[in-house]
């Protein structure tokens, strides 16, 4: 993973000022785990294109 998305859930470069969240896991992967919702960087489930991912604030 490691891609970032903006507030409109479009993929952007992580160094872009519009990058709002970092994609941390692909929920369609065979070894996917649930998004981690606790800690200093809680993750949320987001849809980007046809995929579902866990993302955390940048």
PDB file of N, CA and C in Angstrom:
ATOM      1  N   UNK A   1       0.842  -1.158   0.000  1.00  0.00           N
ATOM      2  CA  UNK A   1       0.000   0.000   0.000  1.00  0.00           C
ATOM      3  C   UNK A   1       0.894   1.230   0.000  1.00  0.00           C
ATOM      4  N   UNK A   2       0.510   2.239   0.754  1.00  0.00           N
ATOM      5  CA  UNK A   2       1.331   3.428   0.818  1.00  0.00           C
ATOM      6  C   UNK A   2       0.836   4.572  -0.045  1.00  0.00           C
ATOM      7  N   UNK A   3      -0.208   4.353  -0.856  1.00  0.00           N
ATOM      8  CA  UNK A   3      -0.776   5.451  -1.629  1.00  0.00           C
ATOM      9  C   UNK A   3      -1.580   6.346  -0.700  1.00  0.00           C
ATOM     10  N   UNK A   4      -1.832   7.567  -1.150  1.00  0.00           N
ATOM     11  CA  UNK A   4      -2.633   8.495  -0.368  1.00  0.00           C
ATOM     12  C   UNK A   4      -3.848   8.931  -1.174  1.00  0.00           C
ATOM     13  N   UNK A   5      -4.864   9.411  -0.456  1.00  0.00           N
ATOM     14  CA  UNK A   5      -6.066   9.929  -1.096  1.00  0.00           C
ATOM     15  C   UNK A   5      -6.367  11.314  -0.551  1.00  0.00           C
ATOM     16  N   UNK A   6      -7.084  12.100  -1.361  1.00  0.00           N
ATOM     17  CA  UNK A   6      -7.490  13.426  -0.915  1.00  0.00           C
ATOM     18  C   UNK A   6      -8.882  13.341  -0.283  1.00  0.00           C
ATOM     19  N   UNK A   7      -9.445  14.469   0.068  1.00  0.00           N
ATOM     20  CA  UNK A   7     -10.748  14.500   0.740  1.00  0.00           C
ATOM     21  C   UNK A   7     -11.865  13.928  -0.139  1.00  0.00           C
ATOM     22  N   UNK A   8     -11.662  13.924  -1.454  1.00  0.00           N
ATOM     23  CA  UNK A   8     -12.664  13.385  -2.377  1.00  0.00           C
ATOM     24  C   UNK A   8     -12.393  11.925  -2.729  1.00  0.00           C
ATOM     25  N   UNK A   9     -11.454  11.304  -2.017  1.00  0.00           N
ATOM     26  CA  UNK A   9     -11.055   9.906  -2.199  1.00  0.00           C
ATOM     27  C   UNK A   9     -10.483   9.614  -3.585  1.00  0.00           C
ATOM     28  N   UNK A  10      -9.742  10.590  -4.107  1.00  0.00           N
ATOM     29  CA  UNK A  10      -8.967  10.389  -5.326  1.00  0.00           C
ATOM     30  C   UNK A  10      -7.522  10.128  -4.921  1.00  0.00           C
ATOM     31  N   UNK A  11      -6.863   9.200  -5.608  1.00  0.00           N
ATOM     32  CA  UNK A  11      -5.469   8.883  -5.295  1.00  0.00           C
ATOM     33  C   UNK A  11      -4.586  10.072  -5.671  1.00  0.00           C
ATOM     34  N   UNK A  12      -3.739  10.487  -4.729  1.00  0.00           N
ATOM     35  CA  UNK A  12      -2.804  11.590  -4.943  1.00  0.00           C
ATOM     36  C   UNK A  12      -1.443  11.188  -4.390  1.00  0.00           C
ATOM     37  N   UNK A  13      -0.421  11.912  -4.774  1.00  0.00           N
ATOM     38  CA  UNK A  13       0.912  11.703  -4.239  1.00  0.00           C
ATOM     39  C   UNK A  13       0.901  12.047  -2.758  1.00  0.00           C
ATOM     40  N   UNK A  14       1.534  11.222  -1.939  1.00  0.00           N
ATOM     41  CA  UNK A  14       1.530  11.445  -0.489  1.00  0.00           C
ATOM     42  C   UNK A  14       2.216  12.748  -0.087  1.00  0.00           C
ATOM     43  N   UNK A  15       3.074  13.298  -0.940  1.00  0.00           N
ATOM     44  CA  UNK A  15       3.728  14.563  -0.619  1.00  0.00           C
ATOM     45  C   UNK A  15       2.870  15.765  -1.024  1.00  0.00           C
ATOM     46  N   UNK A  16       1.725  15.508  -1.665  1.00  0.00           N
ATOM     47  CA  UNK A  16       0.833  16.581  -2.083  1.00  0.00           C
ATOM     48  C   UNK A  16       0.150  17.211  -0.877  1.00  0.00           C
ATOM     49  N   UNK A  17      -0.024  18.532  -0.884  1.00  0.00           N
ATOM     50  CA  UNK A  17      -0.722  19.173   0.226  1.00  0.00           C
ATOM     51  C   UNK A  17      -2.187  18.737   0.338  1.00  0.00           C
ATOM     52  N   UNK A  18      -2.753  18.193  -0.731  1.00  0.00           N
ATOM     53  CA  UNK A  18      -4.151  17.755  -0.685  1.00  0.00           C
ATOM     54  C   UNK A  18      -4.302  16.333  -0.141  1.00  0.00           C
ATOM     55  N   UNK A  19      -3.189  15.637   0.114  1.00  0.00           N
ATOM     56  CA  UNK A  19      -3.257  14.276   0.650  1.00  0.00           C
ATOM     57  C   UNK A  19      -3.832  14.321   2.060  1.00  0.00           C
ATOM     58  N   UNK A  20      -4.953  13.621   2.260  1.00  0.00           N
ATOM     59  CA  UNK A  20      -5.636  13.646   3.551  1.00  0.00           C
ATOM     60  C   UNK A  20      -5.451  12.352   4.330  1.00  0.00           C
ATOM     61  N   UNK A  21      -5.421  11.215   3.615  1.00  0.00           N
ATOM     62  CA  UNK A  21      -5.309   9.924   4.273  1.00  0.00           C
ATOM     63  C   UNK A  21      -4.354   9.021   3.508  1.00  0.00           C
ATOM     64  N   UNK A  22      -3.741   8.099   4.240  1.00  0.00           N
ATOM     65  CA  UNK A  22      -2.838   7.113   3.651  1.00  0.00           C
ATOM     66  C   UNK A  22      -3.535   5.759   3.662  1.00  0.00           C
ATOM     67  N   UNK A  23      -3.532   5.082   2.501  1.00  0.00           N
ATOM     68  CA  UNK A  23      -4.123   3.748   2.420  1.00  0.00           C
ATOM     69  C   UNK A  23      -3.150   2.754   3.026  1.00  0.00           C
ATOM     70  N   UNK A  24      -3.610   1.966   4.001  1.00  0.00           N
ATOM     71  CA  UNK A  24      -2.713   1.074   4.718  1.00  0.00           C
ATOM     72  C   UNK A  24      -2.973  -0.401   4.452  1.00  0.00           C
ATOM     73  N   UNK A  25      -4.177  -0.767   3.970  1.00  0.00           N
ATOM     74  CA  UNK A  25      -4.419  -2.167   3.632  1.00  0.00           C
ATOM     75  C   UNK A  25      -5.572  -2.294   2.656  1.00  0.00           C
ATOM     76  N   UNK A  26      -5.482  -3.304   1.808  1.00  0.00           N
ATOM     77  CA  UNK A  26      -6.504  -3.609   0.812  1.00  0.00           C
ATOM     78  C   UNK A  26      -7.432  -4.662   1.404  1.00  0.00           C
ATOM     79  N   UNK A  27      -8.685  -4.324   1.582  1.00  0.00           N
ATOM     80  CA  UNK A  27      -9.631  -5.226   2.222  1.00  0.00           C
ATOM     81  C   UNK A  27     -10.031  -6.404   1.349  1.00  0.00           C
ATOM     82  N   UNK A  28      -9.677  -6.378   0.064  1.00  0.00           N
ATOM     83  CA  UNK A  28      -9.992  -7.512  -0.811  1.00  0.00           C
ATOM     84  C   UNK A  28      -8.861  -8.539  -0.843  1.00  0.00           C
ATOM     85  N   UNK A  29      -7.745  -8.241  -0.185  1.00  0.00           N
ATOM     86  CA  UNK A  29      -6.617  -9.180  -0.148  1.00  0.00           C
ATOM     87  C   UNK A  29      -7.004 -10.425   0.652  1.00  0.00           C
ATOM     88  N   UNK A  30      -6.446 -11.555   0.282  1.00  0.00           N
ATOM     89  CA  UNK A  30      -6.781 -12.813   0.953  1.00  0.00           C
ATOM     90  C   UNK A  30      -6.368 -12.820   2.424  1.00  0.00           C
ATOM     91  N   UNK A  31      -5.385 -12.006   2.798  1.00  0.00           N
ATOM     92  CA  UNK A  31      -4.914 -11.969   4.182  1.00  0.00           C
ATOM     93  C   UNK A  31      -5.322 -10.679   4.898  1.00  0.00           C
ATOM     94  N   UNK A  32      -6.373 -10.015   4.411  1.00  0.00           N
ATOM     95  CA  UNK A  32      -6.806  -8.736   4.990  1.00  0.00           C
ATOM     96  C   UNK A  32      -7.335  -8.922   6.407  1.00  0.00           C
ATOM     97  N   UNK A  33      -7.041  -7.938   7.251  1.00  0.00           N
ATOM     98  CA  UNK A  33      -7.595  -7.905   8.605  1.00  0.00           C
ATOM     99  C   UNK A  33      -8.473  -6.659   8.707  1.00  0.00           C
ATOM    100  N   UNK A  34      -9.290  -6.586   9.721  1.00  0.00           N
ATOM    101  CA  UNK A  34     -10.165  -5.434   9.913  1.00  0.00           C
ATOM    102  C   UNK A  34      -9.337  -4.174  10.162  1.00  0.00           C
ATOM    103  N   UNK A  35      -9.909  -3.045   9.849  1.00  0.00           N
ATOM    104  CA  UNK A  35      -9.255  -1.771  10.109  1.00  0.00           C
ATOM    105  C   UNK A  35      -9.087  -1.593  11.622  1.00  0.00           C
ATOM    106  N   UNK A  36      -7.942  -1.077  12.039  1.00  0.00           N
ATOM    107  CA  UNK A  36      -7.640  -0.856  13.452  1.00  0.00           C
ATOM    108  C   UNK A  36      -8.228   0.494  13.848  1.00  0.00           C
ATOM    109  N   UNK A  37      -9.210   0.478  14.735  1.00  0.00           N
ATOM    110  CA  UNK A  37      -9.931   1.701  15.078  1.00  0.00           C
ATOM    111  C   UNK A  37      -9.493   2.320  16.396  1.00  0.00           C
ATOM    112  N   UNK A  38      -8.400   1.825  16.975  1.00  0.00           N
ATOM    113  CA  UNK A  38      -7.907   2.373  18.239  1.00  0.00           C
ATOM    114  C   UNK A  38      -6.476   2.852  18.046  1.00  0.00           C
ATOM    115  N   UNK A  39      -5.964   3.576  19.019  1.00  0.00           N
ATOM    116  CA  UNK A  39      -4.585   4.053  18.949  1.00  0.00           C
ATOM    117  C   UNK A  39      -4.505   5.488  18.483  1.00  0.00           C
ATOM    118  N   UNK A  40      -3.283   5.952  18.207  1.00  0.00           N
ATOM    119  CA  UNK A  40      -3.082   7.350  17.837  1.00  0.00           C
ATOM    120  C   UNK A  40      -3.445   7.640  16.381  1.00  0.00           C
ATOM    121  N   UNK A  41      -3.560   6.609  15.540  1.00  0.00           N
ATOM    122  CA  UNK A  41      -3.957   6.790  14.141  1.00  0.00           C
ATOM    123  C   UNK A  41      -5.068   5.798  13.799  1.00  0.00           C
ATOM    124  N   UNK A  42      -6.299   6.061  14.283  1.00  0.00           N
ATOM    125  CA  UNK A  42      -7.378   5.128  13.988  1.00  0.00           C
ATOM    126  C   UNK A  42      -7.638   5.049  12.480  1.00  0.00           C
ATOM    127  N   UNK A  43      -7.939   3.845  12.012  1.00  0.00           N
ATOM    128  CA  UNK A  43      -8.183   3.620  10.596  1.00  0.00           C
ATOM    129  C   UNK A  43      -9.682   3.585  10.323  1.00  0.00           C
ATOM    130  N   UNK A  44     -10.042   3.980   9.122  1.00  0.00           N
ATOM    131  CA  UNK A  44     -11.425   3.914   8.671  1.00  0.00           C
ATOM    132  C   UNK A  44     -11.465   3.141   7.364  1.00  0.00           C
ATOM    133  N   UNK A  45     -12.587   2.537   7.077  1.00  0.00           N
ATOM    134  CA  UNK A  45     -12.748   1.812   5.825  1.00  0.00           C
ATOM    135  C   UNK A  45     -13.246   2.790   4.775  1.00  0.00           C
ATOM    136  N   UNK A  46     -12.583   2.832   3.614  1.00  0.00           N
ATOM    137  CA  UNK A  46     -12.952   3.747   2.535  1.00  0.00           C
ATOM    138  C   UNK A  46     -13.038   2.984   1.226  1.00  0.00           C
ATOM    139  N   UNK A  47     -13.900   3.465   0.338  1.00  0.00           N
ATOM    140  CA  UNK A  47     -13.992   2.907  -1.008  1.00  0.00           C
ATOM    141  C   UNK A  47     -13.255   3.845  -1.943  1.00  0.00           C
ATOM    142  N   UNK A  48     -12.353   3.284  -2.731  1.00  0.00           N
ATOM    143  CA  UNK A  48     -11.610   4.042  -3.733  1.00  0.00           C
ATOM    144  C   UNK A  48     -11.728   3.252  -5.028  1.00  0.00           C
ATOM    145  N   UNK A  49     -12.354   3.864  -6.029  1.00  0.00           N
ATOM    146  CA  UNK A  49     -12.597   3.124  -7.268  1.00  0.00           C
ATOM    147  C   UNK A  49     -13.491   1.932  -6.967  1.00  0.00           C
ATOM    148  N   UNK A  50     -13.058   0.751  -7.390  1.00  0.00           N
ATOM    149  CA  UNK A  50     -13.824  -0.470  -7.136  1.00  0.00           C
ATOM    150  C   UNK A  50     -13.335  -1.220  -5.903  1.00  0.00           C
ATOM    151  N   UNK A  51     -12.381  -0.658  -5.178  1.00  0.00           N
ATOM    152  CA  UNK A  51     -11.791  -1.358  -4.033  1.00  0.00           C
ATOM    153  C   UNK A  51     -12.188  -0.761  -2.694  1.00  0.00           C
ATOM    154  N   UNK A  52     -12.005  -1.540  -1.659  1.00  0.00           N
ATOM    155  CA  UNK A  52     -12.234  -1.098  -0.285  1.00  0.00           C
ATOM    156  C   UNK A  52     -10.918  -1.237   0.469  1.00  0.00           C
ATOM    157  N   UNK A  53     -10.547  -0.194   1.189  1.00  0.00           N
ATOM    158  CA  UNK A  53      -9.261  -0.118   1.859  1.00  0.00           C
ATOM    159  C   UNK A  53      -9.420   0.406   3.280  1.00  0.00           C
ATOM    160  N   UNK A  54      -8.407   0.160   4.099  1.00  0.00           N
ATOM    161  CA  UNK A  54      -8.288   0.825   5.386  1.00  0.00           C
ATOM    162  C   UNK A  54      -7.380   2.025   5.159  1.00  0.00           C
ATOM    163  N   UNK A  55      -7.768   3.152   5.754  1.00  0.00           N
ATOM    164  CA  UNK A  55      -6.969   4.360   5.612  1.00  0.00           C
ATOM    165  C   UNK A  55      -6.829   5.017   6.970  1.00  0.00           C
ATOM    166  N   UNK A  56      -5.705   5.734   7.126  1.00  0.00           N
ATOM    167  CA  UNK A  56      -5.492   6.510   8.352  1.00  0.00           C
ATOM    168  C   UNK A  56      -5.123   7.925   7.970  1.00  0.00           C
ATOM    169  N   UNK A  57      -5.426   8.860   8.873  1.00  0.00           N
ATOM    170  CA  UNK A  57      -5.086  10.253   8.602  1.00  0.00           C
ATOM    171  C   UNK A  57      -3.586  10.394   8.455  1.00  0.00           C
ATOM    172  N   UNK A  58      -3.201  11.261   7.552  1.00  0.00           N
ATOM    173  CA  UNK A  58      -1.787  11.481   7.277  1.00  0.00           C
ATOM    174  C   UNK A  58      -1.116  12.263   8.360  1.00  0.00           C
TER     175      UNK A  58
END
